[in-house]
Amino acid sequence: MISHSRRHCVVELQALPSRIGQIRRIVSAQLRHWQLDPLIDRAALGVTELLSNVHRHAQPDKTCTVEIELRLGRLTVSVYDSDPRLPVLREAAADALETCGRGLALVEAVSEAWGARNQDDGPGKVVWFSLRAAPVGNGSKPVREPAPAVVVAVDASAVPTVMPVAASVGAGPG
């Protein structure tokens, strides 16, 4: 996949536990590159929760795409998968020891906004969250134009490859 913007990163993967950690590291590295270090912990937690939901719930397969976009001072992290069932934010569990069902509540807690919608161009859905982006240092400075986007392809048998994008090719999802 090729990104079309200097403010865009796309990662394709199988949402398996070993891949989720890799994606968390890729998201963190991209945010450091864009000098958005204060967002790393919240973005990494949010993407981990969304990918864990794909791993746990998506049918028929675990293939998904993570998209990170920086636009107008806002970082948006989106996870696309082929399962059309939209996630539901669950009420706080009555049992404090319950180990499932808190992922979307965490995403809601760490983000400024989140949502889910069916994909426009085929089966499946996209679940996203957004964070206000401020550069490292003085919070009043405008967000700088980031360096060219990074496109990463991950398959079940390979180590991720990172390639700088040199030219615009087509339109992105969304």
C-alpha atoms as a PDB file:
ATOM      1  CA  MET A   1       0.000   0.000   0.000  1.00  0.00           C
ATOM      2  CA  ILE A   2       1.241   3.512  -0.760  1.00  0.00           C
ATOM      3  CA  SER A   3       0.366   6.552   1.282  1.00  0.00           C
ATOM      4  CA  HIS A   4      -0.637   9.750  -0.498  1.00  0.00           C
ATOM      5  CA  SER A   5       0.394  12.363   2.040  1.00  0.00           C
ATOM      6  CA  ARG A   6       3.235  13.611   4.173  1.00  0.00           C
ATOM      7  CA  ARG A   7       0.951  13.298   7.186  1.00  0.00           C
ATOM      8  CA  HIS A   8      -0.044   9.697   6.776  1.00  0.00           C
ATOM      9  CA  CYS A   9       1.194   6.234   7.782  1.00  0.00           C
ATOM     10  CA  VAL A  10      -0.445   2.932   6.818  1.00  0.00           C
ATOM     11  CA  VAL A  11       0.295  -0.523   8.225  1.00  0.00           C
ATOM     12  CA  GLU A  12      -1.313  -3.765   7.023  1.00  0.00           C
ATOM     13  CA  LEU A  13      -1.177  -6.805   9.294  1.00  0.00           C
ATOM     14  CA  GLN A  14      -2.741  -9.905  10.750  1.00  0.00           C
ATOM     15  CA  ALA A  15      -4.034  -8.867  14.201  1.00  0.00           C
ATOM     16  CA  LEU A  16      -2.115 -11.514  16.083  1.00  0.00           C
ATOM     17  CA  PRO A  17      -0.622 -10.840  19.540  1.00  0.00           C
ATOM     18  CA  SER A  18       2.963 -10.821  18.230  1.00  0.00           C
ATOM     19  CA  ARG A  19       2.054  -8.295  15.506  1.00  0.00           C
ATOM     20  CA  ILE A  20       0.204  -5.977  17.882  1.00  0.00           C
ATOM     21  CA  GLY A  21       3.449  -5.232  19.742  1.00  0.00           C
ATOM     22  CA  GLN A  22       5.182  -4.458  16.445  1.00  0.00           C
ATOM     23  CA  ILE A  23       2.446  -2.038  15.453  1.00  0.00           C
ATOM     24  CA  ARG A  24       2.638  -0.327  18.830  1.00  0.00           C
ATOM     25  CA  ARG A  25       6.385   0.223  18.232  1.00  0.00           C
ATOM     26  CA  ILE A  26       5.762   1.477  14.675  1.00  0.00           C
ATOM     27  CA  VAL A  27       3.112   3.950  15.889  1.00  0.00           C
ATOM     28  CA  SER A  28       5.488   5.171  18.605  1.00  0.00           C
ATOM     29  CA  ALA A  29       8.344   5.617  16.124  1.00  0.00           C
ATOM     30  CA  GLN A  30       6.127   7.500  13.677  1.00  0.00           C
ATOM     31  CA  LEU A  31       4.911   9.877  16.395  1.00  0.00           C
ATOM     32  CA  ARG A  32       8.513  10.503  17.496  1.00  0.00           C
ATOM     33  CA  HIS A  33       9.373  11.258  13.865  1.00  0.00           C
ATOM     34  CA  TRP A  34       6.511  13.761  13.725  1.00  0.00           C
ATOM     35  CA  GLN A  35       7.681  15.198  17.074  1.00  0.00           C
ATOM     36  CA  LEU A  36       4.449  14.209  18.801  1.00  0.00           C
ATOM     37  CA  ASP A  37       6.104  12.452  21.739  1.00  0.00           C
ATOM     38  CA  PRO A  38       3.415  13.496  24.290  1.00  0.00           C
ATOM     39  CA  LEU A  39       0.841  11.437  22.342  1.00  0.00           C
ATOM     40  CA  ILE A  40       2.824   8.202  22.193  1.00  0.00           C
ATOM     41  CA  ASP A  41       1.473   6.500  25.326  1.00  0.00           C
ATOM     42  CA  ARG A  42      -2.176   7.285  24.595  1.00  0.00           C
ATOM     43  CA  ALA A  43      -1.900   6.400  20.886  1.00  0.00           C
ATOM     44  CA  ALA A  44      -0.066   3.144  21.635  1.00  0.00           C
ATOM     45  CA  LEU A  45      -2.663   2.152  24.237  1.00  0.00           C
ATOM     46  CA  GLY A  46      -5.546   3.031  21.911  1.00  0.00           C
ATOM     47  CA  VAL A  47      -4.170   1.132  18.908  1.00  0.00           C
ATOM     48  CA  THR A  48      -3.378  -1.859  21.141  1.00  0.00           C
ATOM     49  CA  GLU A  49      -6.966  -1.986  22.354  1.00  0.00           C
ATOM     50  CA  LEU A  50      -8.428  -1.668  18.843  1.00  0.00           C
ATOM     51  CA  LEU A  51      -6.136  -4.377  17.463  1.00  0.00           C
ATOM     52  CA  SER A  52      -6.917  -6.631  20.418  1.00  0.00           C
ATOM     53  CA  ASN A  53     -10.598  -6.278  19.525  1.00  0.00           C
ATOM     54  CA  VAL A  54      -9.853  -7.292  15.931  1.00  0.00           C
ATOM     55  CA  HIS A  55      -7.920 -10.304  17.204  1.00  0.00           C
ATOM     56  CA  ARG A  56     -10.691 -11.282  19.615  1.00  0.00           C
ATOM     57  CA  HIS A  57     -13.805 -10.529  17.559  1.00  0.00           C
ATOM     58  CA  ALA A  58     -13.189 -10.035  13.815  1.00  0.00           C
ATOM     59  CA  GLN A  59     -14.570 -12.668  11.467  1.00  0.00           C
ATOM     60  CA  PRO A  60     -13.795 -14.257   9.046  1.00  0.00           C
ATOM     61  CA  ASP A  61     -10.112 -13.282   9.291  1.00  0.00           C
ATOM     62  CA  LYS A  62      -7.792 -11.115  11.347  1.00  0.00           C
ATOM     63  CA  THR A  63      -6.426  -9.063   8.452  1.00  0.00           C
ATOM     64  CA  CYS A  64      -6.617  -5.349   9.143  1.00  0.00           C
ATOM     65  CA  THR A  65      -5.105  -1.993   8.286  1.00  0.00           C
ATOM     66  CA  VAL A  66      -3.951   0.651  10.755  1.00  0.00           C
ATOM     67  CA  GLU A  67      -3.922   4.203   9.474  1.00  0.00           C
ATOM     68  CA  ILE A  68      -2.340   7.125  11.326  1.00  0.00           C
ATOM     69  CA  GLU A  69      -3.106  10.580   9.994  1.00  0.00           C
ATOM     70  CA  LEU A  70      -2.051  14.016  11.167  1.00  0.00           C
ATOM     71  CA  ARG A  71      -4.347  16.742   9.870  1.00  0.00           C
ATOM     72  CA  LEU A  72      -5.246  20.200  11.149  1.00  0.00           C
ATOM     73  CA  GLY A  73      -3.592  19.676  14.524  1.00  0.00           C
ATOM     74  CA  ARG A  74      -5.355  16.370  15.150  1.00  0.00           C
ATOM     75  CA  LEU A  75      -3.924  12.852  15.134  1.00  0.00           C
ATOM     76  CA  THR A  76      -6.418  10.200  14.046  1.00  0.00           C
ATOM     77  CA  VAL A  77      -5.688   6.480  14.422  1.00  0.00           C
ATOM     78  CA  SER A  78      -8.038   4.192  12.467  1.00  0.00           C
ATOM     79  CA  VAL A  79      -8.240   0.399  12.323  1.00  0.00           C
ATOM     80  CA  TYR A  80     -10.007  -1.151   9.316  1.00  0.00           C
ATOM     81  CA  ASP A  81     -11.083  -4.805   9.311  1.00  0.00           C
ATOM     82  CA  SER A  82     -13.394  -7.041   7.268  1.00  0.00           C
ATOM     83  CA  ASP A  83     -15.937  -7.801  10.021  1.00  0.00           C
ATOM     84  CA  PRO A  84     -19.061  -5.627   9.560  1.00  0.00           C
ATOM     85  CA  ARG A  85     -20.162  -5.867  13.214  1.00  0.00           C
ATOM     86  CA  LEU A  86     -19.697  -2.512  14.928  1.00  0.00           C
ATOM     87  CA  PRO A  87     -18.206  -2.526  18.439  1.00  0.00           C
ATOM     88  CA  VAL A  88     -20.328  -1.543  21.420  1.00  0.00           C
ATOM     89  CA  LEU A  89     -19.056   0.382  24.435  1.00  0.00           C
ATOM     90  CA  ARG A  90     -20.003  -1.723  27.442  1.00  0.00           C
ATOM     91  CA  GLU A  91     -21.107  -0.407  30.817  1.00  0.00           C
ATOM     92  CA  ALA A  92     -18.612  -0.705  33.640  1.00  0.00           C
ATOM     93  CA  ALA A  93     -18.462  -4.323  34.726  1.00  0.00           C
ATOM     94  CA  ALA A  94     -20.144  -5.178  37.996  1.00  0.00           C
ATOM     95  CA  ASP A  95     -17.321  -7.618  38.680  1.00  0.00           C
ATOM     96  CA  ALA A  96     -14.142  -5.595  39.260  1.00  0.00           C
ATOM     97  CA  LEU A  97     -12.047  -8.690  38.476  1.00  0.00           C
ATOM     98  CA  GLU A  98     -13.522  -9.225  35.004  1.00  0.00           C
ATOM     99  CA  THR A  99     -10.712  -9.288  32.432  1.00  0.00           C
ATOM    100  CA  CYS A 100     -12.638  -8.463  29.234  1.00  0.00           C
ATOM    101  CA  GLY A 101     -14.880  -5.680  28.039  1.00  0.00           C
ATOM    102  CA  ARG A 102     -12.891  -2.603  28.993  1.00  0.00           C
ATOM    103  CA  GLY A 103     -11.032  -1.904  25.733  1.00  0.00           C
ATOM    104  CA  LEU A 104     -13.381   0.685  24.232  1.00  0.00           C
ATOM    105  CA  ALA A 105     -13.764   2.352  27.630  1.00  0.00           C
ATOM    106  CA  LEU A 106      -9.972   2.754  27.694  1.00  0.00           C
ATOM    107  CA  VAL A 107      -9.993   4.154  24.160  1.00  0.00           C
ATOM    108  CA  GLU A 108     -12.725   6.583  25.195  1.00  0.00           C
ATOM    109  CA  ALA A 109     -10.769   7.592  28.306  1.00  0.00           C
ATOM    110  CA  VAL A 110      -7.454   8.324  26.533  1.00  0.00           C
ATOM    111  CA  SER A 111      -8.835  10.012  23.410  1.00  0.00           C
ATOM    112  CA  GLU A 112     -10.705  13.204  22.684  1.00  0.00           C
ATOM    113  CA  ALA A 113     -13.125  11.414  20.361  1.00  0.00           C
ATOM    114  CA  TRP A 114     -13.689   7.932  18.993  1.00  0.00           C
ATOM    115  CA  GLY A 115     -16.170   6.180  16.774  1.00  0.00           C
ATOM    116  CA  ALA A 116     -16.963   3.313  14.444  1.00  0.00           C
ATOM    117  CA  ARG A 117     -18.620   3.112  11.054  1.00  0.00           C
ATOM    118  CA  ASN A 118     -19.098   0.651   8.235  1.00  0.00           C
ATOM    119  CA  GLN A 119     -16.589   0.947   5.417  1.00  0.00           C
ATOM    120  CA  ASP A 120     -17.918   2.859   2.431  1.00  0.00           C
ATOM    121  CA  ASP A 121     -16.137   0.785  -0.199  1.00  0.00           C
ATOM    122  CA  GLY A 122     -16.801  -2.781   0.900  1.00  0.00           C
ATOM    123  CA  PRO A 123     -17.524  -5.119   3.767  1.00  0.00           C
ATOM    124  CA  GLY A 124     -16.123  -4.383   7.174  1.00  0.00           C
ATOM    125  CA  LYS A 125     -15.747  -1.439   9.462  1.00  0.00           C
ATOM    126  CA  VAL A 126     -13.364   1.211  10.677  1.00  0.00           C
ATOM    127  CA  VAL A 127     -12.921   2.040  14.356  1.00  0.00           C
ATOM    128  CA  TRP A 128     -11.010   5.239  15.079  1.00  0.00           C
ATOM    129  CA  PHE A 129      -9.928   7.626  17.805  1.00  0.00           C
ATOM    130  CA  SER A 130      -8.390  11.079  17.721  1.00  0.00           C
ATOM    131  CA  LEU A 131      -6.039  13.126  19.856  1.00  0.00           C
ATOM    132  CA  ARG A 132      -5.183  16.816  19.705  1.00  0.00           C
ATOM    133  CA  ALA A 133      -1.631  17.070  18.391  1.00  0.00           C
ATOM    134  CA  ALA A 134       0.892  19.441  19.938  1.00  0.00           C
ATOM    135  CA  PRO A 135       4.609  19.320  19.146  1.00  0.00           C
ATOM    136  CA  VAL A 136       7.267  18.545  21.750  1.00  0.00           C
ATOM    137  CA  GLY A 137       8.211  21.595  23.777  1.00  0.00           C
ATOM    138  CA  ASN A 138       6.083  24.737  23.748  1.00  0.00           C
ATOM    139  CA  GLY A 139       2.454  23.614  23.467  1.00  0.00           C
ATOM    140  CA  SER A 140       1.505  26.884  21.754  1.00  0.00           C
ATOM    141  CA  LYS A 141       3.666  26.280  18.682  1.00  0.00           C
ATOM    142  CA  PRO A 142       1.823  25.079  15.580  1.00  0.00           C
ATOM    143  CA  VAL A 143       2.242  21.499  14.478  1.00  0.00           C
ATOM    144  CA  ARG A 144       5.069  21.381  11.942  1.00  0.00           C
ATOM    145  CA  GLU A 145       4.751  19.794   8.531  1.00  0.00           C
ATOM    146  CA  PRO A 146       6.015  16.233   9.087  1.00  0.00           C
ATOM    147  CA  ALA A 147       8.564  14.475   6.941  1.00  0.00           C
ATOM    148  CA  PRO A 148       7.260  12.158   4.201  1.00  0.00           C
ATOM    149  CA  ALA A 149       4.929   9.384   5.276  1.00  0.00           C
ATOM    150  CA  VAL A 150       6.036   5.873   5.989  1.00  0.00           C
ATOM    151  CA  VAL A 151       4.326   2.809   4.557  1.00  0.00           C
ATOM    152  CA  VAL A 152       4.781  -0.507   6.297  1.00  0.00           C
ATOM    153  CA  ALA A 153       3.650  -3.929   5.134  1.00  0.00           C
ATOM    154  CA  VAL A 154       3.645  -6.772   7.640  1.00  0.00           C
ATOM    155  CA  ASP A 155       2.733 -10.336   6.843  1.00  0.00           C
ATOM    156  CA  ALA A 156       2.663 -13.340   9.108  1.00  0.00           C
ATOM    157  CA  SER A 157       6.051 -14.653   7.973  1.00  0.00           C
ATOM    158  CA  ALA A 158       8.149 -11.519   7.592  1.00  0.00           C
ATOM    159  CA  VAL A 159       9.759  -8.781   9.614  1.00  0.00           C
ATOM    160  CA  PRO A 160       8.135  -5.384   8.957  1.00  0.00           C
ATOM    161  CA  THR A 161       9.693  -3.306   6.217  1.00  0.00           C
ATOM    162  CA  VAL A 162       9.650   0.464   6.357  1.00  0.00           C
ATOM    163  CA  MET A 163       9.904   2.476   3.153  1.00  0.00           C
ATOM    164  CA  PRO A 164       9.821   6.265   2.704  1.00  0.00           C
ATOM    165  CA  VAL A 165       7.184   7.406   0.267  1.00  0.00           C
ATOM    166  CA  ALA A 166       8.482   9.559  -2.555  1.00  0.00           C
ATOM    167  CA  ALA A 167       5.415  10.388  -4.647  1.00  0.00           C
ATOM    168  CA  SER A 168       1.662  10.609  -4.499  1.00  0.00           C
ATOM    169  CA  VAL A 169      -0.185   7.598  -5.808  1.00  0.00           C
ATOM    170  CA  GLY A 170      -3.979   7.496  -5.662  1.00  0.00           C
ATOM    171  CA  ALA A 171      -6.282   8.442  -2.877  1.00  0.00           C
ATOM    172  CA  GLY A 172      -6.235   6.966   0.584  1.00  0.00           C
ATOM    173  CA  PRO A 173      -9.079   5.310   2.442  1.00  0.00           C
ATOM    174  CA  GLY A 174     -11.609   7.519   4.118  1.00  0.00           C
END
